[in-house]
C-alpha atoms as a PDB file:
ATOM      1  CA  MET A   1     -34.660  -6.379 -25.377  1.00  0.00           C
ATOM      2  CA  ARG A   2     -34.185  -4.654 -28.725  1.00  0.00           C
ATOM      3  CA  ALA A   3     -32.522  -1.681 -26.978  1.00  0.00           C
ATOM      4  CA  LEU A   4     -30.095  -4.077 -25.289  1.00  0.00           C
ATOM      5  CA  GLY A   5     -29.196  -5.580 -28.682  1.00  0.00           C
ATOM      6  CA  LEU A   6     -28.549  -2.119 -30.177  1.00  0.00           C
ATOM      7  CA  PHE A   7     -26.386  -1.207 -27.173  1.00  0.00           C
ATOM      8  CA  ALA A   8     -24.303  -4.379 -27.641  1.00  0.00           C
ATOM      9  CA  VAL A   9     -23.762  -3.565 -31.343  1.00  0.00           C
ATOM     10  CA  ALA A  10     -22.803   0.035 -30.490  1.00  0.00           C
ATOM     11  CA  LEU A  11     -20.378  -1.211 -27.837  1.00  0.00           C
ATOM     12  CA  VAL A  12     -18.668  -3.518 -30.351  1.00  0.00           C
ATOM     13  CA  VAL A  13     -18.326  -0.664 -32.861  1.00  0.00           C
ATOM     14  CA  VAL A  14     -16.865   1.717 -30.243  1.00  0.00           C
ATOM     15  CA  THR A  15     -14.460  -0.952 -28.976  1.00  0.00           C
ATOM     16  CA  SER A  16     -13.266  -1.722 -32.507  1.00  0.00           C
ATOM     17  CA  ALA A  17     -12.756   1.949 -33.317  1.00  0.00           C
ATOM     18  CA  THR A  18     -10.644   2.599 -30.212  1.00  0.00           C
ATOM     19  CA  ALA A  19      -8.550  -0.556 -30.398  1.00  0.00           C
ATOM     20  CA  ALA A  20      -4.894   0.261 -30.958  1.00  0.00           C
ATOM     21  CA  THR A  21      -3.227  -0.671 -34.222  1.00  0.00           C
ATOM     22  CA  PRO A  22      -0.731  -3.486 -33.614  1.00  0.00           C
ATOM     23  CA  ILE A  23       2.850  -2.280 -33.721  1.00  0.00           C
ATOM     24  CA  ARG A  24       6.145  -4.006 -34.439  1.00  0.00           C
ATOM     25  CA  ALA A  25       9.058  -2.655 -32.422  1.00  0.00           C
ATOM     26  CA  LYS A  26      12.621  -3.919 -32.704  1.00  0.00           C
ATOM     27  CA  LEU A  27      15.947  -3.147 -31.027  1.00  0.00           C
ATOM     28  CA  THR A  28      19.263  -4.026 -32.656  1.00  0.00           C
ATOM     29  CA  THR A  29      22.749  -3.344 -31.304  1.00  0.00           C
ATOM     30  CA  SER A  30      26.220  -3.585 -32.786  1.00  0.00           C
ATOM     31  CA  THR A  31      27.370  -6.143 -30.180  1.00  0.00           C
ATOM     32  CA  ALA A  32      26.565  -7.607 -26.773  1.00  0.00           C
ATOM     33  CA  ALA A  33      30.182  -6.953 -25.725  1.00  0.00           C
ATOM     34  CA  PRO A  34      31.016  -3.276 -26.274  1.00  0.00           C
ATOM     35  CA  VAL A  35      34.543  -2.041 -25.561  1.00  0.00           C
ATOM     36  CA  VAL A  36      35.183   0.801 -23.104  1.00  0.00           C
ATOM     37  CA  GLY A  37      35.273   4.158 -24.864  1.00  0.00           C
ATOM     38  CA  GLN A  38      34.476   2.718 -28.289  1.00  0.00           C
ATOM     39  CA  PRO A  39      31.243   3.549 -30.156  1.00  0.00           C
ATOM     40  CA  TRP A  40      28.418   1.119 -29.453  1.00  0.00           C
ATOM     41  CA  ARG A  41      25.488   1.463 -31.822  1.00  0.00           C
ATOM     42  CA  TYR A  42      21.805   0.804 -31.264  1.00  0.00           C
ATOM     43  CA  THR A  43      18.788   1.128 -33.549  1.00  0.00           C
ATOM     44  CA  VAL A  44      15.112   1.096 -32.606  1.00  0.00           C
ATOM     45  CA  THR A  45      12.490   0.640 -35.317  1.00  0.00           C
ATOM     46  CA  VAL A  46       8.738   1.026 -34.887  1.00  0.00           C
ATOM     47  CA  ARG A  47       6.331   0.052 -37.638  1.00  0.00           C
ATOM     48  CA  SER A  48       2.668  -0.765 -38.074  1.00  0.00           C
ATOM     49  CA  ALA A  49       1.600  -4.332 -38.788  1.00  0.00           C
ATOM     50  CA  ALA A  50       1.520  -3.259 -42.452  1.00  0.00           C
ATOM     51  CA  GLY A  51       5.172  -2.144 -42.249  1.00  0.00           C
ATOM     52  CA  LYS A  52       4.632   1.633 -42.264  1.00  0.00           C
ATOM     53  CA  PRO A  53       6.835   3.815 -39.994  1.00  0.00           C
ATOM     54  CA  LEU A  54       5.006   5.064 -36.903  1.00  0.00           C
ATOM     55  CA  ALA A  55       5.448   8.166 -34.785  1.00  0.00           C
ATOM     56  CA  ALA A  56       6.885   7.038 -31.466  1.00  0.00           C
ATOM     57  CA  ARG A  57       8.801   8.112 -28.422  1.00  0.00           C
ATOM     58  CA  MET A  58      11.240   6.172 -26.316  1.00  0.00           C
ATOM     59  CA  ARG A  59      13.139   6.314 -23.048  1.00  0.00           C
ATOM     60  CA  LEU A  60      16.596   4.692 -22.917  1.00  0.00           C
ATOM     61  CA  GLN A  61      17.907   3.110 -19.726  1.00  0.00           C
ATOM     62  CA  LEU A  62      20.656   0.819 -18.440  1.00  0.00           C
ATOM     63  CA  LEU A  63      19.666  -1.769 -15.861  1.00  0.00           C
ATOM     64  CA  LEU A  64      21.685  -3.780 -13.373  1.00  0.00           C
ATOM     65  CA  GLY A  65      19.365  -6.688 -12.756  1.00  0.00           C
ATOM     66  CA  THR A  66      16.021  -4.938 -12.403  1.00  0.00           C
ATOM     67  CA  THR A  67      17.459  -1.673 -11.047  1.00  0.00           C
ATOM     68  CA  VAL A  68      17.817   1.344 -13.334  1.00  0.00           C
ATOM     69  CA  VAL A  69      21.406   2.641 -13.050  1.00  0.00           C
ATOM     70  CA  GLY A  70      21.607   4.815 -16.161  1.00  0.00           C
ATOM     71  CA  CYS A  71      19.205   6.861 -18.253  1.00  0.00           C
ATOM     72  CA  TRP A  72      19.251   9.175 -21.265  1.00  0.00           C
ATOM     73  CA  ARG A  73      19.296  12.800 -20.102  1.00  0.00           C
ATOM     74  CA  GLY A  74      20.423  15.907 -21.894  1.00  0.00           C
ATOM     75  CA  GLY A  75      21.676  14.037 -24.944  1.00  0.00           C
ATOM     76  CA  GLU A  76      23.799  11.469 -23.110  1.00  0.00           C
ATOM     77  CA  MET A  77      23.579   8.448 -20.849  1.00  0.00           C
ATOM     78  CA  ALA A  78      23.905   9.572 -17.219  1.00  0.00           C
ATOM     79  CA  GLN A  79      23.784   7.915 -13.825  1.00  0.00           C
ATOM     80  CA  CYS A  80      20.178   7.483 -12.831  1.00  0.00           C
ATOM     81  CA  LEU A  81      18.700   5.719  -9.834  1.00  0.00           C
ATOM     82  CA  ASP A  82      14.999   6.221 -10.562  1.00  0.00           C
ATOM     83  CA  GLY A  83      13.229   4.346 -13.357  1.00  0.00           C
ATOM     84  CA  SER A  84      10.905   7.270 -14.028  1.00  0.00           C
ATOM     85  CA  LYS A  85      13.833   9.554 -14.831  1.00  0.00           C
ATOM     86  CA  GLY A  86      15.239  10.197 -18.240  1.00  0.00           C
ATOM     87  CA  ASP A  87      14.224  12.133 -21.316  1.00  0.00           C
ATOM     88  CA  TRP A  88      11.710  10.926 -23.879  1.00  0.00           C
ATOM     89  CA  ILE A  89      13.088  10.892 -27.424  1.00  0.00           C
ATOM     90  CA  SER A  90      10.574  11.434 -30.241  1.00  0.00           C
ATOM     91  CA  PHE A  91      11.099   9.878 -33.664  1.00  0.00           C
ATOM     92  CA  ARG A  92       9.291   8.403 -36.640  1.00  0.00           C
ATOM     93  CA  GLY A  93       9.941   4.825 -37.730  1.00  0.00           C
ATOM     94  CA  LYS A  94      13.628   4.533 -36.886  1.00  0.00           C
ATOM     95  CA  ARG A  95      16.118   6.030 -34.464  1.00  0.00           C
ATOM     96  CA  SER A  96      19.811   5.156 -34.221  1.00  0.00           C
ATOM     97  CA  GLY A  97      22.383   6.322 -31.749  1.00  0.00           C
ATOM     98  CA  VAL A  98      25.824   5.725 -30.320  1.00  0.00           C
ATOM     99  CA  LEU A  99      26.869   5.214 -26.706  1.00  0.00           C
ATOM    100  CA  ARG A 100      30.321   4.941 -25.160  1.00  0.00           C
ATOM    101  CA  PHE A 101      30.650   2.927 -21.974  1.00  0.00           C
ATOM    102  CA  PRO A 102      32.950   4.097 -19.136  1.00  0.00           C
ATOM    103  CA  ALA A 103      35.697   1.961 -17.568  1.00  0.00           C
ATOM    104  CA  GLU A 104      33.577   1.536 -14.391  1.00  0.00           C
ATOM    105  CA  SER A 105      31.203  -0.716 -16.323  1.00  0.00           C
ATOM    106  CA  VAL A 106      33.815  -3.320 -17.391  1.00  0.00           C
ATOM    107  CA  GLY A 107      32.656  -6.858 -16.658  1.00  0.00           C
ATOM    108  CA  VAL A 108      29.264  -5.804 -15.319  1.00  0.00           C
ATOM    109  CA  ARG A 109      26.266  -7.559 -16.857  1.00  0.00           C
ATOM    110  CA  LEU A 110      23.873  -4.796 -17.842  1.00  0.00           C
ATOM    111  CA  THR A 111      20.672  -4.628 -19.829  1.00  0.00           C
ATOM    112  CA  PHE A 112      20.087  -1.823 -22.320  1.00  0.00           C
ATOM    113  CA  ARG A 113      16.350  -1.087 -22.346  1.00  0.00           C
ATOM    114  CA  ALA A 114      14.343   1.034 -24.749  1.00  0.00           C
ATOM    115  CA  THR A 115      10.791   1.693 -23.560  1.00  0.00           C
ATOM    116  CA  VAL A 116       8.874   2.548 -26.730  1.00  0.00           C
ATOM    117  CA  LYS A 117       5.409   4.128 -26.907  1.00  0.00           C
ATOM    118  CA  ALA A 118       3.460   4.268 -30.178  1.00  0.00           C
ATOM    119  CA  SER A 119      -0.221   3.996 -31.123  1.00  0.00           C
ATOM    120  CA  ARG A 120      -1.262   3.883 -27.441  1.00  0.00           C
ATOM    121  CA  GLN A 121       0.953   0.838 -26.867  1.00  0.00           C
ATOM    122  CA  THR A 122       4.162   0.334 -24.887  1.00  0.00           C
ATOM    123  CA  ARG A 123       6.969  -2.097 -25.647  1.00  0.00           C
ATOM    124  CA  ASN A 124      10.032  -2.745 -23.492  1.00  0.00           C
ATOM    125  CA  LEU A 125      12.895  -3.781 -25.766  1.00  0.00           C
ATOM    126  CA  ARG A 126      16.000  -5.241 -24.122  1.00  0.00           C
ATOM    127  CA  ALA A 127      19.548  -6.146 -25.112  1.00  0.00           C
ATOM    128  CA  PRO A 128      22.151  -7.745 -22.821  1.00  0.00           C
ATOM    129  CA  VAL A 129      25.467  -5.881 -22.540  1.00  0.00           C
ATOM    130  CA  THR A 130      28.745  -6.851 -20.854  1.00  0.00           C
ATOM    131  CA  VAL A 131      31.374  -4.157 -21.331  1.00  0.00           C
ATOM    132  CA  GLN A 132      34.924  -5.285 -22.180  1.00  0.00           C
ATOM    133  CA  SER A 133      38.163  -3.512 -21.374  1.00  0.00           C
ATOM    134  CA  GLY A 134      40.049  -1.851 -24.223  1.00  0.00           C
END
């Protein structure tokens, strides 16, 4: 019985030591209605519960409904039909970028998604986007 009690205590200690630190991840964009060809800005921040910047990586995608139609590859957003495609972008604490939407996306309701991984946790951050003509 005593051995069982020691095992339970050891299990609690191991579980506590391997538990991931809570993270706070946030996505902000310049507008929900970007204009064709004009710069559209996004910022992703990842911090610990205490507010310290965390090492993270993210994958950027554009969705039409639940279907991935665009992903970040080679330093730009490209057509992409497979959700597992796209480059991972490494950063610490904060990453900002600029996209320009093509004329083909005018009027289409899209979702900009940043899948963020940090401290053994994953967060899917989303922002609605409907591109406007210039």
